[in-house]
Amino acid sequence: MMRHSPATGVYMDYQATTPTDPRVVAAMQPYWSELYGNPHSADHAFGWDADSAVEMARSQIAAAIGADPDEIIFTSGATEANNLAVLGIARASRVRRRIVVSAIEHKCVLAAARAAAEEGSEVVTGPVTADGIVDVARLVELIDERVAIVAVMTANNEIGSFQPLRAIADRCAAVGAVFHTDAAQALSVLPLDVAQLGVDLMSLSSHKAYGPKGIGALYVRRGLEMRPRPLLHGGGQEAGLRAGTLPTPLCVGFGEACRILTDERDGDVPRVAALRDRLLRQLREAVPGIEVNGTLGARHPGNLNLRFPGIDASVLLQNLHPHVAASTGSACTSGQPEPSHVLRAIGLTTAEANASIRLSLGRFTTEGEIDRVAGHIGVTCKRFLVA
């Protein structure tokens, strides 16, 4: 088995996963070895203590998005939540057989839609602009009484673009379609409010928000007439929507991560945005001709997706190792040979997509690290350009 040496470079892949906040690790610790009861064991104090911890975490997650605790369904992550939303709603409707997704959805949403298509649904893709923003006027035209569910992510995982959800939500409500948003990338940087956004379903991920891996959630609006069909069957946990014993430590960690976000997001976001802008300025000075993919306006504050004309992105990343840890796009598709579907959807050619890398930063990034990254990329690119 191949082993890698410990990472020593600057971590610039926060959108693949964030470091777990030490305060989250501390909050989880007792539930591994001391308070280890099954939260579904209703006959003794060990189970009661675990259940209380899970319900506290549920309340903390709900508070972070303006929901009520009983509207939060724990899952293993955003991928499961997205599948439960898309496939679950598609299977719940015998009359509405159309699914509408944006062209830049996460691959797990697109894959779930394809799976629903194999079961008889029709999948329709809504276009986006060159900025990576959904073309609302054209998308709205696709949403009618035949549509079961519309899926548009809150913040894109590759180019960071924020989407205008409210206008889409209003159209869905008018025709009775369920509106779902994947907010995995948005939770750590946006003050989400499900009522203001008008969404029926929202997927969340802990490890994109300084919590542990292996836990996520699906918000399911109370009173939603067409509820998702469960994908997992068993003991009827999570209001019958998701069977299985909940991992108490991970739930607690996710809850603590949301508590910290609620308290500190307003300070984190402008600091991270300033660091991103600092990095972009330095890179533009060091590497003339680089281009930003997507808009710099309505964008995730920690995201830079950059195109380096004439330089293969995979080769660039290899030459940056071990000094800089970044990626060519989604961690869920890294290593696959095809160009990013997101970059192609905003109009880039295959060559342009293959010359693009994603740099993402966050809570623990420092100014010194930004300067080091800019220096390493500048020196590395000069070698390519001279050659």
Protein backbone atom coordinates (compact mmCIF):
# COMPACT_ATOMS: atom_id res chain seq x y z
CA MET A 1 0.00 0.00 0.00
CA MET A 2 1.39 3.38 -1.01
CA ARG A 3 1.88 5.82 1.84
CA HIS A 4 2.26 9.59 1.55
CA SER A 5 4.49 11.77 3.68
CA PRO A 6 2.73 14.18 6.06
CA ALA A 7 1.38 17.29 4.36
CA THR A 8 3.62 20.31 4.82
CA GLY A 9 2.28 22.78 2.27
CA VAL A 10 -0.35 25.49 2.46
CA TYR A 11 -3.85 24.05 2.38
CA MET A 12 -5.93 25.80 -0.29
CA ASP A 13 -8.72 23.25 -0.75
CA TYR A 14 -11.33 24.36 1.78
CA GLN A 15 -14.17 23.68 -0.64
CA ALA A 16 -13.16 20.03 -0.78
CA THR A 17 -13.21 19.88 3.00
CA THR A 18 -12.56 22.33 5.81
CA PRO A 19 -10.27 21.56 8.74
CA THR A 20 -12.29 20.48 11.74
CA ASP A 21 -12.34 23.30 14.26
CA PRO A 22 -10.52 22.26 17.49
CA ARG A 23 -13.57 23.37 19.48
CA VAL A 24 -15.66 20.91 17.49
CA VAL A 25 -13.19 18.11 18.22
CA ALA A 26 -13.36 18.93 21.93
CA ALA A 27 -17.17 18.90 21.94
CA MET A 28 -17.23 15.48 20.29
CA GLN A 29 -14.65 13.83 22.51
CA PRO A 30 -16.84 12.63 25.42
CA TYR A 31 -19.28 10.90 23.07
CA TRP A 32 -16.63 8.48 21.80
CA SER A 33 -15.69 6.89 25.09
CA GLU A 34 -17.77 8.20 28.02
CA LEU A 35 -21.26 9.05 26.79
CA TYR A 36 -21.42 6.20 24.28
CA GLY A 37 -25.08 5.19 24.54
CA ASN A 38 -27.29 4.57 21.53
CA PRO A 39 -29.48 7.68 21.12
CA HIS A 40 -32.40 5.43 20.17
CA SER A 41 -32.21 3.38 23.38
CA ALA A 42 -35.19 4.68 25.30
CA ASP A 43 -34.97 2.46 28.40
CA HIS A 44 -31.92 3.80 30.24
CA ALA A 45 -29.87 6.90 31.01
CA PHE A 46 -27.08 6.07 28.55
CA GLY A 47 -29.57 6.34 25.70
CA TRP A 48 -31.29 9.37 27.19
CA ASP A 49 -27.99 11.27 27.44
CA ALA A 50 -27.07 10.46 23.85
CA ASP A 51 -30.53 11.41 22.64
CA SER A 52 -30.35 14.74 24.47
CA ALA A 53 -27.01 15.47 22.80
CA VAL A 54 -28.41 14.64 19.35
CA GLU A 55 -31.45 16.83 19.90
CA MET A 56 -29.28 19.72 21.06
CA ALA A 57 -27.24 19.36 17.86
CA ARG A 58 -30.43 19.26 15.82
CA SER A 59 -31.51 22.54 17.43
CA GLN A 60 -28.13 24.17 16.71
CA ILE A 61 -28.26 23.15 13.04
CA ALA A 62 -31.85 24.34 12.72
CA ALA A 63 -30.96 27.70 14.26
CA ALA A 64 -28.19 28.18 11.70
CA ILE A 65 -30.70 28.14 8.82
CA GLY A 66 -33.81 29.61 10.47
CA ALA A 67 -35.59 26.25 10.72
CA ASP A 68 -37.24 24.35 13.55
CA PRO A 69 -35.50 21.29 15.00
CA ASP A 70 -38.15 18.84 13.79
CA GLU A 71 -37.47 19.97 10.21
CA ILE A 72 -33.86 18.66 10.33
CA ILE A 73 -33.22 15.09 9.17
CA PHE A 74 -29.72 13.78 9.82
CA THR A 75 -27.94 12.04 6.93
CA SER A 76 -24.42 10.78 6.27
CA GLY A 77 -23.62 13.96 4.35
CA ALA A 78 -24.85 16.27 1.60
CA THR A 79 -24.59 13.52 -1.02
CA GLU A 80 -27.14 11.39 0.81
CA ALA A 81 -29.27 14.45 1.52
CA ASN A 82 -29.27 15.39 -2.17
CA ASN A 83 -30.20 11.86 -3.18
CA LEU A 84 -32.97 11.74 -0.59
CA ALA A 85 -34.33 15.03 -1.90
CA VAL A 86 -34.18 14.36 -5.64
CA LEU A 87 -34.86 10.63 -5.78
CA GLY A 88 -37.17 10.76 -2.78
CA ILE A 89 -39.44 13.39 -4.34
CA ALA A 90 -39.31 11.78 -7.79
CA ARG A 91 -40.53 8.53 -6.27
CA ALA A 92 -43.21 10.29 -4.23
CA SER A 93 -45.07 11.65 -7.25
CA ARG A 94 -46.98 9.47 -9.69
CA VAL A 95 -48.32 12.43 -11.67
CA ARG A 96 -45.44 14.92 -11.82
CA ARG A 97 -42.67 13.17 -13.73
CA ARG A 98 -40.31 16.03 -14.58
CA ILE A 99 -37.16 17.09 -12.71
CA VAL A 100 -35.49 20.44 -13.38
CA VAL A 101 -31.83 20.93 -12.44
CA SER A 102 -29.32 23.66 -13.21
CA ALA A 103 -26.41 22.84 -15.50
CA ILE A 104 -23.89 23.45 -12.71
CA GLU A 105 -25.35 21.27 -9.96
CA HIS A 106 -23.06 19.06 -7.94
CA LYS A 107 -22.52 15.72 -9.65
CA CYS A 108 -24.42 13.84 -6.96
CA VAL A 109 -27.55 15.87 -7.78
CA LEU A 110 -27.11 15.20 -11.49
CA ALA A 111 -26.50 11.51 -10.81
CA ALA A 112 -29.60 11.27 -8.62
CA ALA A 113 -31.63 12.91 -11.39
CA ARG A 114 -30.27 10.38 -13.89
CA ALA A 115 -31.22 7.56 -11.55
CA ALA A 116 -34.74 8.99 -11.38
CA ALA A 117 -34.79 9.13 -15.18
CA GLU A 118 -34.10 5.39 -15.24
CA GLU A 119 -37.29 5.01 -13.18
CA GLY A 120 -39.40 7.04 -15.60
CA SER A 121 -38.77 10.70 -14.78
CA GLU A 122 -37.79 13.29 -17.37
CA VAL A 123 -34.77 15.45 -16.54
CA VAL A 124 -34.58 18.99 -17.89
CA THR A 125 -31.44 21.11 -17.48
CA GLY A 126 -31.61 24.87 -16.96
CA PRO A 127 -28.83 26.99 -18.50
CA VAL A 128 -26.46 29.38 -16.74
CA THR A 129 -24.74 32.57 -17.81
CA ALA A 130 -21.02 33.03 -18.39
CA ASP A 131 -20.82 34.31 -14.80
CA GLY A 132 -22.07 30.98 -13.50
CA ILE A 133 -25.46 32.37 -12.46
CA VAL A 134 -28.64 30.50 -13.35
CA ASP A 135 -30.56 32.15 -16.20
CA VAL A 136 -33.69 32.68 -14.13
CA ALA A 137 -35.91 33.78 -16.99
CA ARG A 138 -35.17 30.66 -18.99
CA LEU A 139 -35.30 28.39 -15.95
CA VAL A 140 -38.72 29.69 -14.90
CA GLU A 141 -40.06 28.81 -18.34
CA LEU A 142 -39.19 25.17 -17.64
CA ILE A 143 -41.12 25.02 -14.36
CA ASP A 144 -44.78 24.07 -14.73
CA GLU A 145 -47.37 21.67 -13.30
CA ARG A 146 -45.49 18.68 -14.72
CA VAL A 147 -42.47 19.32 -12.48
CA ALA A 148 -42.02 17.35 -9.26
CA ILE A 149 -38.80 18.97 -8.05
CA VAL A 150 -36.45 21.79 -9.01
CA ALA A 151 -32.85 21.62 -7.77
CA VAL A 152 -30.63 24.71 -7.79
CA MET A 153 -27.61 24.91 -5.47
CA THR A 154 -27.07 27.93 -3.23
CA ALA A 155 -23.33 28.32 -3.89
CA ASN A 156 -21.40 26.46 -6.54
CA ASN A 157 -18.67 24.12 -5.37
CA GLU A 158 -16.28 24.89 -8.25
CA ILE A 159 -16.64 28.57 -9.14
CA GLY A 160 -18.39 29.78 -5.98
CA SER A 161 -21.28 31.60 -7.69
CA PHE A 162 -24.33 32.39 -5.54
CA GLN A 163 -27.72 31.69 -7.09
CA PRO A 164 -30.90 33.85 -6.99
CA LEU A 165 -33.06 31.33 -5.15
CA ARG A 166 -36.05 33.47 -4.20
CA ALA A 167 -37.27 34.09 -7.74
CA ILE A 168 -37.06 30.38 -8.48
CA ALA A 169 -38.82 29.53 -5.22
CA ASP A 170 -41.72 31.82 -6.08
CA ARG A 171 -42.23 30.08 -9.42
CA CYS A 172 -42.09 26.65 -7.80
CA ALA A 173 -44.67 27.67 -5.21
CA ALA A 174 -46.96 29.03 -7.93
CA VAL A 175 -47.10 25.69 -9.79
CA GLY A 176 -46.81 23.34 -6.81
CA ALA A 177 -43.30 22.06 -7.52
CA VAL A 178 -40.93 21.18 -4.68
CA PHE A 179 -37.86 23.44 -4.52
CA HIS A 180 -34.58 21.97 -3.31
CA THR A 181 -31.22 23.65 -2.81
CA ASP A 182 -27.85 22.11 -2.07
CA ALA A 183 -26.39 24.54 0.48
CA ALA A 184 -23.31 22.49 1.38
CA GLN A 185 -20.93 25.23 0.24
CA ALA A 186 -23.08 28.09 1.51
CA LEU A 187 -23.55 27.19 5.17
CA SER A 188 -20.16 28.48 6.27
CA VAL A 189 -20.40 31.82 4.43
CA LEU A 190 -24.04 32.89 4.11
CA PRO A 191 -26.65 33.77 6.78
CA LEU A 192 -29.16 31.21 5.48
CA ASP A 193 -32.86 31.54 6.28
CA VAL A 194 -35.09 28.88 4.74
CA ALA A 195 -38.23 30.98 5.07
CA GLN A 196 -36.73 34.01 3.35
CA LEU A 197 -35.26 31.83 0.60
CA GLY A 198 -38.57 30.04 0.13
CA VAL A 199 -37.04 26.57 -0.16
CA ASP A 200 -38.80 23.31 0.66
CA LEU A 201 -35.69 21.15 0.99
CA MET A 202 -32.09 22.12 1.81
CA SER A 203 -29.04 19.85 1.93
CA LEU A 204 -26.23 20.57 4.39
CA SER A 205 -22.76 19.16 4.98
CA SER A 206 -20.79 19.25 8.21
CA HIS A 207 -17.29 18.90 6.76
CA LYS A 208 -17.74 21.93 4.50
CA ALA A 209 -18.40 24.01 7.62
CA TYR A 210 -15.53 23.09 10.00
CA GLY A 211 -17.34 20.03 11.38
CA PRO A 212 -16.54 16.31 11.08
CA LYS A 213 -16.89 14.22 7.94
CA GLY A 214 -19.63 11.61 7.68
CA ILE A 215 -22.59 13.72 8.82
CA GLY A 216 -25.00 16.05 7.06
CA ALA A 217 -28.64 16.97 7.10
CA LEU A 218 -31.68 17.55 4.95
CA TYR A 219 -34.07 20.33 5.90
CA VAL A 220 -37.64 19.26 5.09
CA ARG A 221 -40.18 22.07 5.38
CA ARG A 222 -42.98 21.30 7.82
CA GLY A 223 -46.27 21.02 5.97
CA LEU A 224 -44.66 20.01 2.68
CA GLU A 225 -47.42 18.06 0.94
CA MET A 226 -45.14 15.90 -1.19
CA ARG A 227 -42.52 14.49 1.16
CA PRO A 228 -39.52 12.46 0.01
CA ARG A 229 -39.76 8.69 -0.01
CA PRO A 230 -37.02 7.20 2.20
CA LEU A 231 -34.00 5.63 0.55
CA LEU A 232 -33.04 3.61 3.64
CA HIS A 233 -35.52 1.39 5.44
CA GLY A 234 -35.33 -0.01 8.94
CA GLY A 235 -36.26 1.24 12.38
CA GLY A 236 -38.10 4.36 11.28
CA GLN A 237 -35.62 6.84 12.72
CA GLU A 238 -35.56 10.48 11.59
CA ALA A 239 -39.33 10.82 11.21
CA GLY A 240 -39.35 7.72 9.03
CA LEU A 241 -37.23 9.38 6.35
CA ARG A 242 -33.82 7.93 7.19
CA ALA A 243 -33.39 4.63 9.06
CA GLY A 244 -30.28 3.76 11.03
CA THR A 245 -28.55 4.52 14.32
CA LEU A 246 -27.35 8.10 14.44
CA PRO A 247 -23.62 8.68 15.12
CA THR A 248 -23.89 10.76 18.27
CA PRO A 249 -20.33 12.19 18.21
CA LEU A 250 -20.72 13.35 14.61
CA CYS A 251 -24.12 14.90 15.29
CA VAL A 252 -22.66 16.75 18.26
CA GLY A 253 -19.74 17.94 16.14
CA PHE A 254 -22.02 19.21 13.39
CA GLY A 255 -24.13 21.04 15.95
CA GLU A 256 -21.11 22.68 17.56
CA ALA A 257 -19.80 23.71 14.13
CA CYS A 258 -23.13 25.41 13.43
CA ARG A 259 -23.10 27.14 16.82
CA ILE A 260 -19.66 28.57 16.07
CA LEU A 261 -20.75 29.66 12.60
CA THR A 262 -23.77 31.45 14.00
CA ASP A 263 -21.57 33.34 16.46
CA GLU A 264 -18.55 34.07 14.24
CA ARG A 265 -19.58 34.07 10.55
CA ASP A 266 -19.96 37.86 10.38
CA GLY A 267 -16.31 38.26 11.33
CA ASP A 268 -14.95 35.32 9.33
CA VAL A 269 -16.47 36.18 5.96
CA PRO A 270 -14.98 39.67 5.37
CA ARG A 271 -11.56 38.51 6.57
CA VAL A 272 -11.60 35.55 4.18
CA ALA A 273 -12.82 37.72 1.29
CA ALA A 274 -9.97 40.18 1.92
CA LEU A 275 -7.45 37.33 1.86
CA ARG A 276 -8.90 36.01 -1.40
CA ASP A 277 -8.65 39.46 -2.99
CA ARG A 278 -5.08 39.79 -1.74
CA LEU A 279 -4.22 36.49 -3.40
CA LEU A 280 -5.83 37.51 -6.67
CA ARG A 281 -3.94 40.82 -6.75
CA GLN A 282 -0.62 39.11 -6.19
CA LEU A 283 -1.30 36.42 -8.78
CA ARG A 284 -2.31 38.98 -11.40
CA GLU A 285 1.00 40.74 -10.83
CA ALA A 286 2.99 37.51 -10.93
CA VAL A 287 1.22 35.74 -13.81
CA PRO A 288 -0.02 38.13 -16.53
CA GLY A 289 -2.98 36.83 -18.49
CA ILE A 290 -4.69 34.74 -15.82
CA GLU A 291 -8.48 34.83 -15.91
CA VAL A 292 -11.12 34.38 -13.20
CA ASN A 293 -13.79 31.82 -14.03
CA GLY A 294 -17.21 33.09 -12.98
CA THR A 295 -18.26 36.34 -11.39
CA LEU A 296 -16.33 38.14 -8.67
CA GLY A 297 -19.58 39.70 -7.46
CA ALA A 298 -22.05 37.18 -6.06
CA ARG A 299 -19.38 34.67 -5.11
CA HIS A 300 -18.22 32.51 -2.22
CA PRO A 301 -15.68 34.71 -0.37
CA GLY A 302 -13.11 31.93 -0.15
CA ASN A 303 -13.24 30.81 -3.78
CA LEU A 304 -10.90 31.56 -6.66
CA ASN A 305 -11.24 29.49 -9.82
CA LEU A 306 -8.47 30.66 -12.13
CA ARG A 307 -7.51 29.92 -15.71
CA PHE A 308 -3.81 29.84 -16.59
CA PRO A 309 -3.70 30.03 -20.42
CA GLY A 310 -1.23 27.63 -21.97
CA ILE A 311 -0.63 25.68 -18.74
CA ASP A 312 -2.21 22.29 -18.01
CA ALA A 313 -3.86 22.52 -14.59
CA SER A 314 -3.00 18.99 -13.51
CA VAL A 315 0.66 19.51 -14.36
CA LEU A 316 0.65 22.86 -12.56
CA LEU A 317 -0.77 21.27 -9.40
CA GLN A 318 1.81 18.48 -9.54
CA ASN A 319 4.60 21.05 -9.75
CA LEU A 320 3.14 23.05 -6.85
CA HIS A 321 3.28 19.98 -4.59
CA PRO A 322 4.21 19.87 -1.74
CA HIS A 323 4.12 23.64 -1.31
CA VAL A 324 0.46 24.26 -2.25
CA ALA A 325 -2.51 21.91 -1.90
CA ALA A 326 -5.25 22.89 -4.35
CA SER A 327 -7.45 21.12 -6.91
CA THR A 328 -8.75 21.22 -10.44
CA GLY A 329 -12.36 21.32 -9.22
CA SER A 330 -14.75 19.16 -7.26
CA ALA A 331 -13.09 16.64 -4.95
CA CYS A 332 -15.83 14.20 -5.92
CA THR A 333 -14.60 14.15 -9.53
CA SER A 334 -10.89 14.94 -9.21
CA GLY A 335 -8.78 12.44 -11.10
CA GLN A 336 -11.40 11.86 -13.77
CA PRO A 337 -10.22 12.77 -17.27
CA GLU A 338 -13.22 14.71 -18.51
CA PRO A 339 -13.25 18.53 -18.17
CA SER A 340 -15.40 20.14 -15.50
CA HIS A 341 -19.08 20.18 -16.45
CA VAL A 342 -19.39 23.46 -14.54
CA LEU A 343 -16.70 25.20 -16.56
CA ARG A 344 -18.10 23.84 -19.80
CA ALA A 345 -21.59 25.05 -18.80
CA ILE A 346 -20.35 28.65 -18.47
CA GLY A 347 -18.89 28.52 -21.95
CA LEU A 348 -15.27 27.47 -21.53
CA THR A 349 -13.65 25.24 -24.12
CA THR A 350 -12.13 21.93 -23.11
CA ALA A 351 -8.67 23.47 -23.31
CA GLU A 352 -9.71 26.41 -21.13
CA ALA A 353 -11.33 24.12 -18.56
CA ASN A 354 -8.21 21.97 -18.45
CA ALA A 355 -6.12 25.08 -17.73
CA SER A 356 -8.16 25.99 -14.63
CA ILE A 357 -7.54 25.34 -10.94
CA ARG A 358 -9.59 26.06 -7.84
CA LEU A 359 -7.97 27.76 -4.87
CA SER A 360 -10.19 27.87 -1.78
CA LEU A 361 -9.42 29.30 1.63
CA GLY A 362 -11.18 29.81 4.92
CA ARG A 363 -11.19 30.34 8.66
CA PHE A 364 -7.63 29.23 9.39
CA THR A 365 -5.90 30.75 6.34
CA THR A 366 -3.35 33.46 7.19
CA GLU A 367 -1.85 36.40 5.30
CA GLY A 368 1.53 34.70 5.39
CA GLU A 369 0.09 31.63 3.73
CA ILE A 370 -1.52 33.76 1.02
CA ASP A 371 1.81 35.39 0.25
CA ARG A 372 3.58 32.02 0.13
CA VAL A 373 0.97 30.57 -2.23
CA ALA A 374 1.18 33.54 -4.58
CA GLY A 375 4.96 33.25 -4.60
CA HIS A 376 5.00 29.52 -5.33
CA ILE A 377 2.42 29.83 -8.13
CA GLY A 378 4.24 32.78 -9.66
CA VAL A 379 7.60 31.02 -9.73
CA THR A 380 6.09 27.78 -11.04
CA CYS A 381 4.13 29.47 -13.83
CA LYS A 382 7.20 31.41 -14.97
CA ARG A 383 9.01 28.11 -15.49
CA PHE A 384 6.19 26.90 -17.74
CA LEU A 385 5.95 30.15 -19.67
CA VAL A 386 9.71 30.38 -20.23
CA ALA A 387 9.81 26.76 -21.40
